[in-house]
N, C-alpha and C. Protein backbone atom coordinates (compact mmCIF):
# COMPACT_ATOMS: atom_id res chain seq x y z
N UNK A 1 -20.28 2.44 37.22
CA UNK A 1 -20.22 3.22 38.45
C UNK A 1 -19.81 4.65 38.10
N UNK A 2 -20.55 5.60 38.56
CA UNK A 2 -20.24 7.01 38.26
C UNK A 2 -19.33 7.64 39.30
N UNK A 3 -19.36 7.11 40.52
CA UNK A 3 -18.43 7.61 41.54
C UNK A 3 -17.02 7.18 41.14
N UNK A 4 -16.11 8.09 41.26
CA UNK A 4 -14.74 7.78 40.86
C UNK A 4 -14.07 6.87 41.89
N UNK A 5 -13.40 5.86 41.42
CA UNK A 5 -12.68 4.95 42.31
C UNK A 5 -11.50 5.69 42.94
N UNK A 6 -10.96 5.09 43.96
CA UNK A 6 -9.95 5.75 44.79
C UNK A 6 -8.71 6.18 44.00
N UNK A 7 -8.04 5.26 43.35
CA UNK A 7 -6.79 5.62 42.67
C UNK A 7 -6.99 6.60 41.52
N UNK A 8 -8.02 6.41 40.66
CA UNK A 8 -8.25 7.43 39.63
C UNK A 8 -8.58 8.80 40.22
N UNK A 9 -9.29 8.83 41.34
CA UNK A 9 -9.60 10.11 41.98
C UNK A 9 -8.31 10.81 42.41
N UNK A 10 -7.39 10.06 43.00
CA UNK A 10 -6.11 10.63 43.40
C UNK A 10 -5.33 11.16 42.21
N UNK A 11 -5.34 10.43 41.13
CA UNK A 11 -4.63 10.88 39.93
C UNK A 11 -5.26 12.14 39.33
N UNK A 12 -6.58 12.21 39.38
CA UNK A 12 -7.25 13.41 38.88
C UNK A 12 -6.88 14.63 39.71
N UNK A 13 -6.76 14.46 41.01
CA UNK A 13 -6.33 15.58 41.86
C UNK A 13 -4.93 16.04 41.47
N UNK A 14 -4.04 15.09 41.24
CA UNK A 14 -2.68 15.45 40.85
C UNK A 14 -2.67 16.14 39.49
N UNK A 15 -3.49 15.65 38.58
CA UNK A 15 -3.54 16.24 37.24
C UNK A 15 -4.00 17.70 37.29
N UNK A 16 -4.87 18.03 38.25
CA UNK A 16 -5.34 19.41 38.41
C UNK A 16 -4.24 20.32 38.95
N UNK A 17 -3.31 19.75 39.70
CA UNK A 17 -2.28 20.56 40.35
C UNK A 17 -0.99 20.65 39.56
N UNK A 18 -0.70 19.65 38.73
CA UNK A 18 0.61 19.53 38.08
C UNK A 18 0.51 19.92 36.61
N UNK A 19 1.47 20.74 36.19
CA UNK A 19 1.56 21.18 34.79
C UNK A 19 2.92 20.80 34.21
N UNK A 20 3.05 20.80 32.90
CA UNK A 20 4.37 20.55 32.30
C UNK A 20 5.40 21.53 32.86
N UNK A 21 6.58 21.01 33.17
CA UNK A 21 7.66 21.81 33.72
C UNK A 21 7.70 21.86 35.23
N UNK A 22 6.71 21.28 35.89
CA UNK A 22 6.63 21.32 37.36
C UNK A 22 7.57 20.32 38.03
N UNK A 23 7.71 20.51 39.32
CA UNK A 23 8.49 19.61 40.18
C UNK A 23 7.50 18.85 41.05
N UNK A 24 7.65 17.52 41.11
CA UNK A 24 6.72 16.69 41.87
C UNK A 24 7.48 15.62 42.66
N UNK A 25 6.76 15.00 43.60
CA UNK A 25 7.36 14.00 44.48
C UNK A 25 6.53 12.72 44.46
N UNK A 26 7.21 11.59 44.29
CA UNK A 26 6.60 10.29 44.59
C UNK A 26 7.30 9.82 45.86
N UNK A 27 6.60 9.94 46.98
CA UNK A 27 7.21 9.70 48.28
C UNK A 27 7.37 8.22 48.62
N UNK A 28 6.72 7.35 47.86
CA UNK A 28 6.81 5.91 48.08
C UNK A 28 6.77 5.25 46.71
N UNK A 29 7.91 4.97 46.14
CA UNK A 29 7.98 4.52 44.74
C UNK A 29 7.15 3.27 44.45
N UNK A 30 7.18 2.31 45.36
CA UNK A 30 6.45 1.07 45.09
C UNK A 30 6.92 0.45 43.79
N UNK A 31 5.99 0.11 42.93
CA UNK A 31 6.34 -0.51 41.65
C UNK A 31 6.44 0.49 40.50
N UNK A 32 6.40 1.78 40.82
CA UNK A 32 6.68 2.81 39.82
C UNK A 32 5.51 3.35 39.04
N UNK A 33 4.30 2.92 39.33
CA UNK A 33 3.15 3.38 38.56
C UNK A 33 2.91 4.88 38.71
N UNK A 34 2.97 5.37 39.95
CA UNK A 34 2.75 6.81 40.16
C UNK A 34 3.91 7.63 39.61
N UNK A 35 5.12 7.12 39.72
CA UNK A 35 6.28 7.83 39.19
C UNK A 35 6.13 8.01 37.68
N UNK A 36 5.72 6.96 37.01
CA UNK A 36 5.48 7.04 35.56
C UNK A 36 4.40 8.07 35.25
N UNK A 37 3.31 8.02 35.97
CA UNK A 37 2.21 8.97 35.74
C UNK A 37 2.70 10.41 35.94
N UNK A 38 3.44 10.64 37.02
CA UNK A 38 3.96 11.98 37.30
C UNK A 38 4.96 12.43 36.22
N UNK A 39 5.80 11.51 35.77
CA UNK A 39 6.77 11.85 34.72
C UNK A 39 6.06 12.27 33.43
N UNK A 40 4.94 11.63 33.15
CA UNK A 40 4.17 12.02 31.97
C UNK A 40 3.54 13.41 32.17
N UNK A 41 3.05 13.69 33.38
CA UNK A 41 2.44 14.99 33.66
C UNK A 41 3.44 16.14 33.56
N UNK A 42 4.64 15.96 34.09
CA UNK A 42 5.59 17.08 34.15
C UNK A 42 6.27 17.34 32.81
N UNK A 43 6.25 16.38 31.91
CA UNK A 43 6.84 16.57 30.60
C UNK A 43 8.36 16.66 30.65
N UNK A 44 8.98 16.93 29.51
CA UNK A 44 10.44 16.92 29.43
C UNK A 44 11.13 18.01 30.25
N UNK A 45 10.43 19.09 30.56
CA UNK A 45 11.05 20.18 31.32
C UNK A 45 10.83 20.05 32.83
N UNK A 46 10.05 19.05 33.25
CA UNK A 46 9.76 18.86 34.67
C UNK A 46 10.68 17.86 35.33
N UNK A 47 10.45 17.60 36.59
CA UNK A 47 11.28 16.67 37.35
C UNK A 47 10.44 15.96 38.38
N UNK A 48 10.61 14.64 38.47
CA UNK A 48 10.00 13.81 39.51
C UNK A 48 11.12 13.39 40.46
N UNK A 49 10.92 13.65 41.74
CA UNK A 49 11.82 13.13 42.77
C UNK A 49 11.10 11.99 43.46
N UNK A 50 11.74 10.82 43.48
CA UNK A 50 11.13 9.65 44.08
C UNK A 50 11.94 9.11 45.24
N UNK A 51 11.24 8.56 46.22
CA UNK A 51 11.86 8.05 47.43
C UNK A 51 11.35 6.66 47.76
N UNK A 52 12.27 5.78 48.14
CA UNK A 52 11.88 4.48 48.69
C UNK A 52 13.07 3.89 49.42
N UNK A 53 12.78 3.14 50.48
CA UNK A 53 13.85 2.52 51.26
C UNK A 53 14.21 1.13 50.74
N UNK A 54 13.45 0.63 49.77
CA UNK A 54 13.70 -0.71 49.25
C UNK A 54 14.32 -0.66 47.85
N UNK A 55 15.43 -1.32 47.71
CA UNK A 55 16.11 -1.40 46.41
C UNK A 55 15.19 -1.98 45.34
N UNK A 56 14.38 -2.95 45.73
CA UNK A 56 13.45 -3.58 44.80
C UNK A 56 12.51 -2.53 44.18
N UNK A 57 12.05 -1.57 44.97
CA UNK A 57 11.17 -0.51 44.46
C UNK A 57 11.92 0.41 43.50
N UNK A 58 13.16 0.73 43.83
CA UNK A 58 13.98 1.58 42.96
C UNK A 58 14.15 0.90 41.60
N UNK A 59 14.52 -0.37 41.61
CA UNK A 59 14.74 -1.10 40.36
C UNK A 59 13.47 -1.23 39.53
N UNK A 60 12.36 -1.53 40.20
CA UNK A 60 11.08 -1.66 39.50
C UNK A 60 10.69 -0.33 38.85
N UNK A 61 10.88 0.76 39.58
CA UNK A 61 10.52 2.08 39.06
C UNK A 61 11.42 2.46 37.89
N UNK A 62 12.72 2.21 38.01
CA UNK A 62 13.64 2.50 36.90
C UNK A 62 13.23 1.72 35.66
N UNK A 63 12.87 0.46 35.84
CA UNK A 63 12.45 -0.36 34.71
C UNK A 63 11.20 0.18 34.04
N UNK A 64 10.23 0.57 34.85
CA UNK A 64 8.97 1.10 34.31
C UNK A 64 9.21 2.40 33.55
N UNK A 65 10.04 3.28 34.11
CA UNK A 65 10.36 4.54 33.42
C UNK A 65 11.13 4.28 32.13
N UNK A 66 12.06 3.33 32.17
CA UNK A 66 12.86 3.01 30.98
C UNK A 66 11.99 2.47 29.86
N UNK A 67 10.99 1.67 30.20
CA UNK A 67 10.06 1.13 29.19
C UNK A 67 9.40 2.24 28.39
N UNK A 68 9.22 3.39 29.01
CA UNK A 68 8.54 4.52 28.37
C UNK A 68 9.51 5.64 28.00
N UNK A 69 10.80 5.35 28.10
CA UNK A 69 11.85 6.32 27.78
C UNK A 69 11.71 7.62 28.57
N UNK A 70 11.44 7.49 29.88
CA UNK A 70 11.23 8.65 30.74
C UNK A 70 12.18 8.71 31.93
N UNK A 71 13.23 7.90 31.90
CA UNK A 71 14.19 7.90 33.02
C UNK A 71 14.81 9.28 33.24
N UNK A 72 14.96 10.05 32.19
CA UNK A 72 15.62 11.36 32.31
C UNK A 72 14.77 12.39 33.06
N UNK A 73 13.52 12.08 33.33
CA UNK A 73 12.63 13.01 34.04
C UNK A 73 12.59 12.76 35.55
N UNK A 74 13.30 11.72 36.00
CA UNK A 74 13.19 11.33 37.40
C UNK A 74 14.55 11.23 38.08
N UNK A 75 14.57 11.60 39.33
CA UNK A 75 15.70 11.37 40.22
C UNK A 75 15.18 10.54 41.37
N UNK A 76 15.75 9.35 41.53
CA UNK A 76 15.26 8.41 42.54
C UNK A 76 16.26 8.30 43.68
N UNK A 77 15.75 8.36 44.89
CA UNK A 77 16.58 8.28 46.08
C UNK A 77 16.26 7.00 46.85
N UNK A 78 17.33 6.26 47.16
CA UNK A 78 17.19 5.08 48.01
C UNK A 78 17.23 5.57 49.46
N UNK A 79 16.20 6.33 49.81
CA UNK A 79 16.07 7.01 51.11
C UNK A 79 14.60 7.01 51.49
N UNK A 80 14.35 7.20 52.77
CA UNK A 80 12.99 7.38 53.23
C UNK A 80 12.47 8.76 52.86
N UNK A 81 11.15 8.89 52.78
CA UNK A 81 10.55 10.17 52.39
C UNK A 81 10.76 11.26 53.43
N UNK A 82 11.18 10.91 54.61
CA UNK A 82 11.47 11.92 55.63
C UNK A 82 12.74 12.71 55.30
N UNK A 83 13.41 12.34 54.23
CA UNK A 83 14.64 13.03 53.79
C UNK A 83 14.38 14.02 52.66
N UNK A 84 13.14 14.37 52.43
CA UNK A 84 12.77 15.22 51.29
C UNK A 84 13.59 16.51 51.24
N UNK A 85 13.61 17.27 52.31
CA UNK A 85 14.28 18.57 52.24
C UNK A 85 15.80 18.43 52.12
N UNK A 86 16.35 17.33 52.59
CA UNK A 86 17.79 17.12 52.44
C UNK A 86 18.17 16.70 51.03
N UNK A 87 17.24 16.09 50.30
CA UNK A 87 17.55 15.54 48.99
C UNK A 87 17.17 16.45 47.82
N UNK A 88 16.12 17.21 47.96
CA UNK A 88 15.67 18.05 46.84
C UNK A 88 16.47 19.33 46.82
N UNK A 89 17.08 19.66 45.68
CA UNK A 89 17.89 20.87 45.60
C UNK A 89 17.06 22.12 45.94
N UNK A 90 17.67 23.07 46.61
CA UNK A 90 16.95 24.31 46.97
C UNK A 90 16.30 25.00 45.78
N UNK A 91 16.90 24.91 44.61
CA UNK A 91 16.33 25.56 43.43
C UNK A 91 14.95 24.99 43.07
N UNK A 92 14.69 23.74 43.46
CA UNK A 92 13.40 23.12 43.16
C UNK A 92 12.41 23.19 44.32
N UNK A 93 12.89 23.58 45.48
CA UNK A 93 11.97 23.76 46.60
C UNK A 93 11.13 25.00 46.33
N UNK A 94 9.94 25.02 46.81
CA UNK A 94 8.95 26.08 46.57
C UNK A 94 8.38 26.05 45.15
N UNK A 95 8.76 25.04 44.36
CA UNK A 95 8.18 24.85 43.03
C UNK A 95 7.42 23.53 42.94
N UNK A 96 7.32 22.82 44.03
CA UNK A 96 6.68 21.50 44.05
C UNK A 96 5.16 21.69 44.02
N UNK A 97 4.51 21.10 43.02
CA UNK A 97 3.07 21.27 42.87
C UNK A 97 2.27 20.02 43.21
N UNK A 98 2.93 18.88 43.31
CA UNK A 98 2.21 17.65 43.61
C UNK A 98 3.10 16.63 44.28
N UNK A 99 2.47 15.82 45.13
CA UNK A 99 3.18 14.73 45.80
C UNK A 99 2.19 13.61 46.06
N UNK A 100 2.67 12.38 46.01
CA UNK A 100 1.81 11.23 46.27
C UNK A 100 2.53 10.26 47.19
N UNK A 101 1.75 9.69 48.11
CA UNK A 101 2.21 8.65 49.03
C UNK A 101 1.25 7.48 48.89
N UNK A 102 1.75 6.28 48.67
CA UNK A 102 0.96 5.06 48.78
C UNK A 102 1.47 4.36 50.03
N UNK A 103 0.72 4.46 51.10
CA UNK A 103 1.19 3.99 52.39
C UNK A 103 0.89 2.52 52.59
N UNK A 104 1.73 1.87 53.37
CA UNK A 104 1.58 0.44 53.63
C UNK A 104 2.86 -0.28 53.28
N UNK A 105 2.74 -1.33 52.49
CA UNK A 105 3.91 -2.11 52.09
C UNK A 105 3.97 -2.22 50.57
N UNK A 106 5.14 -2.60 50.08
CA UNK A 106 5.36 -2.75 48.65
C UNK A 106 4.54 -3.92 48.12
N UNK A 107 3.63 -3.69 47.17
CA UNK A 107 2.86 -4.79 46.61
C UNK A 107 3.79 -5.85 46.03
N UNK A 108 3.62 -7.08 46.48
CA UNK A 108 4.47 -8.18 46.03
C UNK A 108 5.79 -8.26 46.76
N UNK A 109 6.02 -7.35 47.71
CA UNK A 109 7.28 -7.30 48.45
C UNK A 109 7.14 -7.84 49.86
N UNK A 110 8.11 -7.53 50.68
CA UNK A 110 8.15 -7.96 52.08
C UNK A 110 7.12 -7.17 52.88
N UNK A 111 6.09 -7.85 53.39
CA UNK A 111 5.01 -7.18 54.11
C UNK A 111 5.43 -6.73 55.51
N UNK A 112 6.64 -7.08 55.92
CA UNK A 112 7.14 -6.60 57.21
C UNK A 112 7.79 -5.23 57.08
N UNK A 113 8.05 -4.79 55.86
CA UNK A 113 8.62 -3.46 55.63
C UNK A 113 7.45 -2.55 55.25
N UNK A 114 7.09 -1.66 56.18
CA UNK A 114 5.91 -0.81 55.99
C UNK A 114 6.27 0.65 56.25
N UNK A 115 5.42 1.53 55.73
CA UNK A 115 5.59 2.94 56.06
C UNK A 115 5.21 3.16 57.52
N UNK A 116 5.77 4.19 58.10
CA UNK A 116 5.58 4.47 59.53
C UNK A 116 5.01 5.87 59.71
N UNK A 117 4.13 6.04 60.69
CA UNK A 117 3.51 7.36 60.86
C UNK A 117 4.50 8.48 61.15
N UNK A 118 5.56 8.21 61.91
CA UNK A 118 6.49 9.30 62.25
C UNK A 118 7.21 9.82 61.02
N UNK A 119 7.65 8.94 60.13
CA UNK A 119 8.36 9.42 58.93
C UNK A 119 7.38 10.04 57.93
N UNK A 120 6.17 9.50 57.85
CA UNK A 120 5.18 10.06 56.94
C UNK A 120 4.77 11.46 57.39
N UNK A 121 4.54 11.63 58.67
CA UNK A 121 4.18 12.95 59.21
C UNK A 121 5.32 13.94 59.00
N UNK A 122 6.56 13.51 59.21
CA UNK A 122 7.71 14.37 58.96
C UNK A 122 7.76 14.81 57.50
N UNK A 123 7.52 13.88 56.59
CA UNK A 123 7.54 14.20 55.16
C UNK A 123 6.43 15.18 54.80
N UNK A 124 5.24 14.99 55.35
CA UNK A 124 4.12 15.91 55.08
C UNK A 124 4.46 17.30 55.58
N UNK A 125 4.99 17.39 56.80
CA UNK A 125 5.39 18.69 57.36
C UNK A 125 6.40 19.39 56.45
N UNK A 126 7.39 18.64 55.99
CA UNK A 126 8.41 19.22 55.11
C UNK A 126 7.78 19.70 53.80
N UNK A 127 6.91 18.88 53.24
CA UNK A 127 6.27 19.27 51.98
C UNK A 127 5.42 20.53 52.14
N UNK A 128 4.71 20.64 53.23
CA UNK A 128 3.90 21.84 53.44
C UNK A 128 4.76 23.08 53.54
N UNK A 129 6.00 22.91 53.97
CA UNK A 129 6.92 24.05 54.04
C UNK A 129 7.50 24.42 52.68
N UNK A 130 7.72 23.42 51.80
CA UNK A 130 8.45 23.69 50.56
C UNK A 130 7.60 23.59 49.29
N UNK A 131 6.31 23.31 49.43
CA UNK A 131 5.44 23.23 48.25
C UNK A 131 5.01 24.62 47.81
N UNK A 132 4.68 24.71 46.55
CA UNK A 132 4.09 25.94 46.01
C UNK A 132 2.66 26.07 46.54
N UNK A 133 2.15 27.28 46.65
CA UNK A 133 0.74 27.44 47.03
C UNK A 133 -0.16 26.68 46.05
N UNK A 134 -1.19 26.06 46.57
CA UNK A 134 -2.14 25.23 45.84
C UNK A 134 -1.55 23.90 45.40
N UNK A 135 -0.34 23.58 45.88
CA UNK A 135 0.21 22.25 45.64
C UNK A 135 -0.63 21.22 46.38
N UNK A 136 -0.70 20.02 45.82
CA UNK A 136 -1.54 18.97 46.40
C UNK A 136 -0.71 17.75 46.77
N UNK A 137 -0.96 17.26 47.97
CA UNK A 137 -0.38 16.00 48.46
C UNK A 137 -1.52 14.99 48.49
N UNK A 138 -1.33 13.85 47.86
CA UNK A 138 -2.31 12.77 47.88
C UNK A 138 -1.75 11.62 48.71
N UNK A 139 -2.47 11.28 49.76
CA UNK A 139 -2.10 10.14 50.60
C UNK A 139 -3.09 9.01 50.30
N UNK A 140 -2.59 7.89 49.80
CA UNK A 140 -3.43 6.71 49.62
C UNK A 140 -3.13 5.82 50.82
N UNK A 141 -4.13 5.66 51.66
CA UNK A 141 -3.94 4.99 52.95
C UNK A 141 -4.50 3.57 52.87
N UNK A 142 -3.60 2.61 52.91
CA UNK A 142 -3.96 1.19 52.94
C UNK A 142 -3.93 0.77 54.41
N UNK A 143 -5.09 0.49 54.95
CA UNK A 143 -5.19 0.24 56.39
C UNK A 143 -5.74 -1.14 56.72
N UNK A 144 -5.65 -2.07 55.79
CA UNK A 144 -6.17 -3.42 56.00
C UNK A 144 -5.19 -4.37 56.67
N UNK A 145 -4.09 -3.86 57.18
CA UNK A 145 -3.12 -4.67 57.92
C UNK A 145 -2.84 -3.93 59.23
N UNK A 146 -2.36 -4.63 60.27
CA UNK A 146 -2.23 -3.99 61.59
C UNK A 146 -1.43 -2.69 61.59
N UNK A 147 -0.26 -2.66 60.93
CA UNK A 147 0.55 -1.44 60.92
C UNK A 147 -0.14 -0.33 60.15
N UNK A 148 -0.89 -0.70 59.10
CA UNK A 148 -1.62 0.29 58.33
C UNK A 148 -2.73 0.95 59.13
N UNK A 149 -3.40 0.18 59.98
CA UNK A 149 -4.44 0.75 60.83
C UNK A 149 -3.84 1.72 61.85
N UNK A 150 -2.68 1.38 62.38
CA UNK A 150 -2.00 2.28 63.33
C UNK A 150 -1.60 3.56 62.62
N UNK A 151 -0.98 3.43 61.42
CA UNK A 151 -0.56 4.62 60.68
C UNK A 151 -1.77 5.48 60.32
N UNK A 152 -2.86 4.87 59.90
CA UNK A 152 -4.09 5.61 59.58
C UNK A 152 -4.53 6.47 60.77
N UNK A 153 -4.57 5.86 61.94
CA UNK A 153 -5.05 6.57 63.13
C UNK A 153 -4.14 7.74 63.50
N UNK A 154 -2.83 7.52 63.46
CA UNK A 154 -1.89 8.61 63.75
C UNK A 154 -2.03 9.74 62.74
N UNK A 155 -2.11 9.37 61.46
CA UNK A 155 -2.20 10.39 60.42
C UNK A 155 -3.48 11.22 60.53
N UNK A 156 -4.60 10.55 60.73
CA UNK A 156 -5.85 11.30 60.81
C UNK A 156 -5.86 12.24 62.01
N UNK A 157 -5.31 11.79 63.14
CA UNK A 157 -5.22 12.69 64.31
C UNK A 157 -4.34 13.90 63.98
N UNK A 158 -3.20 13.64 63.37
CA UNK A 158 -2.27 14.71 63.01
C UNK A 158 -2.91 15.68 62.01
N UNK A 159 -3.53 15.15 60.96
CA UNK A 159 -4.09 15.99 59.91
C UNK A 159 -5.20 16.90 60.43
N UNK A 160 -5.95 16.42 61.40
CA UNK A 160 -7.01 17.25 61.98
C UNK A 160 -6.45 18.46 62.73
N UNK A 161 -5.18 18.43 63.08
CA UNK A 161 -4.57 19.54 63.82
C UNK A 161 -4.00 20.62 62.91
N UNK A 162 -3.93 20.37 61.62
CA UNK A 162 -3.36 21.35 60.70
C UNK A 162 -4.34 22.51 60.53
N UNK A 163 -3.86 23.70 60.74
CA UNK A 163 -4.67 24.91 60.66
C UNK A 163 -5.26 25.04 59.26
N UNK A 164 -6.56 25.32 59.20
CA UNK A 164 -7.23 25.46 57.89
C UNK A 164 -6.70 26.63 57.09
N UNK A 165 -5.99 27.53 57.72
CA UNK A 165 -5.37 28.64 56.99
C UNK A 165 -4.05 28.21 56.34
N UNK A 166 -3.57 27.04 56.71
CA UNK A 166 -2.34 26.49 56.12
C UNK A 166 -2.65 25.52 54.98
N UNK A 167 -3.74 24.76 55.13
CA UNK A 167 -4.08 23.75 54.12
C UNK A 167 -5.54 23.36 54.20
N UNK A 168 -6.08 22.97 53.04
CA UNK A 168 -7.40 22.34 52.96
C UNK A 168 -7.16 20.84 52.94
N UNK A 169 -7.92 20.09 53.71
CA UNK A 169 -7.71 18.64 53.79
C UNK A 169 -9.04 17.93 53.56
N UNK A 170 -9.01 16.98 52.60
CA UNK A 170 -10.19 16.24 52.19
C UNK A 170 -9.95 14.75 52.40
N UNK A 171 -10.98 14.04 52.87
CA UNK A 171 -10.91 12.58 52.96
C UNK A 171 -11.95 12.03 51.99
N UNK A 172 -11.52 11.08 51.14
CA UNK A 172 -12.40 10.48 50.14
C UNK A 172 -12.34 8.97 50.30
N UNK A 173 -13.49 8.38 50.67
CA UNK A 173 -13.49 6.93 50.82
C UNK A 173 -14.89 6.37 50.67
N UNK A 174 -14.92 5.11 50.30
CA UNK A 174 -16.17 4.38 50.25
C UNK A 174 -16.38 3.76 51.63
N UNK A 175 -17.55 3.98 52.21
CA UNK A 175 -17.74 3.57 53.61
C UNK A 175 -18.54 2.28 53.78
N UNK A 176 -18.98 1.68 52.69
CA UNK A 176 -19.76 0.45 52.82
C UNK A 176 -19.12 -0.74 52.11
N UNK A 177 -17.82 -0.70 51.91
CA UNK A 177 -17.12 -1.81 51.25
C UNK A 177 -16.40 -2.67 52.29
N UNK A 178 -16.26 -3.93 51.98
CA UNK A 178 -15.63 -4.88 52.90
C UNK A 178 -14.11 -4.88 52.72
N UNK A 179 -13.43 -5.48 53.66
CA UNK A 179 -11.98 -5.73 53.61
C UNK A 179 -11.13 -4.47 53.67
N UNK A 180 -11.59 -3.43 54.34
CA UNK A 180 -10.79 -2.23 54.58
C UNK A 180 -10.16 -1.68 53.30
N UNK A 181 -10.96 -1.26 52.32
CA UNK A 181 -10.38 -0.73 51.08
C UNK A 181 -9.59 0.55 51.39
N UNK A 182 -8.61 0.83 50.56
CA UNK A 182 -7.83 2.06 50.78
C UNK A 182 -8.71 3.29 50.59
N UNK A 183 -8.24 4.39 51.16
CA UNK A 183 -8.92 5.66 50.97
C UNK A 183 -7.88 6.74 50.77
N UNK A 184 -8.36 7.90 50.36
CA UNK A 184 -7.46 9.02 50.04
C UNK A 184 -7.68 10.15 51.02
N UNK A 185 -6.57 10.75 51.42
CA UNK A 185 -6.61 12.05 52.05
C UNK A 185 -5.81 12.97 51.14
N UNK A 186 -6.43 14.07 50.75
CA UNK A 186 -5.76 15.05 49.89
C UNK A 186 -5.55 16.33 50.69
N UNK A 187 -4.35 16.87 50.57
CA UNK A 187 -3.97 18.09 51.27
C UNK A 187 -3.60 19.13 50.21
N UNK A 188 -4.30 20.25 50.22
CA UNK A 188 -3.97 21.33 49.32
C UNK A 188 -3.38 22.48 50.15
N UNK A 189 -2.14 22.82 49.86
CA UNK A 189 -1.49 23.92 50.57
C UNK A 189 -2.16 25.24 50.17
N UNK A 190 -2.36 26.09 51.14
CA UNK A 190 -2.97 27.40 50.87
C UNK A 190 -1.89 28.39 50.52
């Protein structure tokens, strides 16, 4: 298949935006795969700030980073992503070049604990205020469960209202696949 799959496409977008020494955000730690990827991108002089409300996600991410000897590149918060501006030091605000959200529930975790549109929208608003120009936010939207479909609809309505002079917004998805596959919305700050 020559068309890029969803998750690799999101990672490629982040790779274009993030350089060694940059500050980045993993807004939903999950099992730590994106945190690890971001830690590798930012190198020893960069910093990954990660957020999750589940202790299980924090522990999984710490373990994954430790396996690769990259724990020193990350600061993990047992907080929701709506706390971004309260948690990230002012010295690192306006230097953020990339952020990723995997929306829905923790794979292998409690499916009743899901991301919510109000906190996700709050986090996006905050990021658009404190990101560097041309910084990219990647939203991976898993909408194959009832709460995910609700969050998808709220987010798409909200994103359509963002002024094109503030951000470029792209939706990337396969439209002929079964079982509600995830899709990406990428936001590039102007």
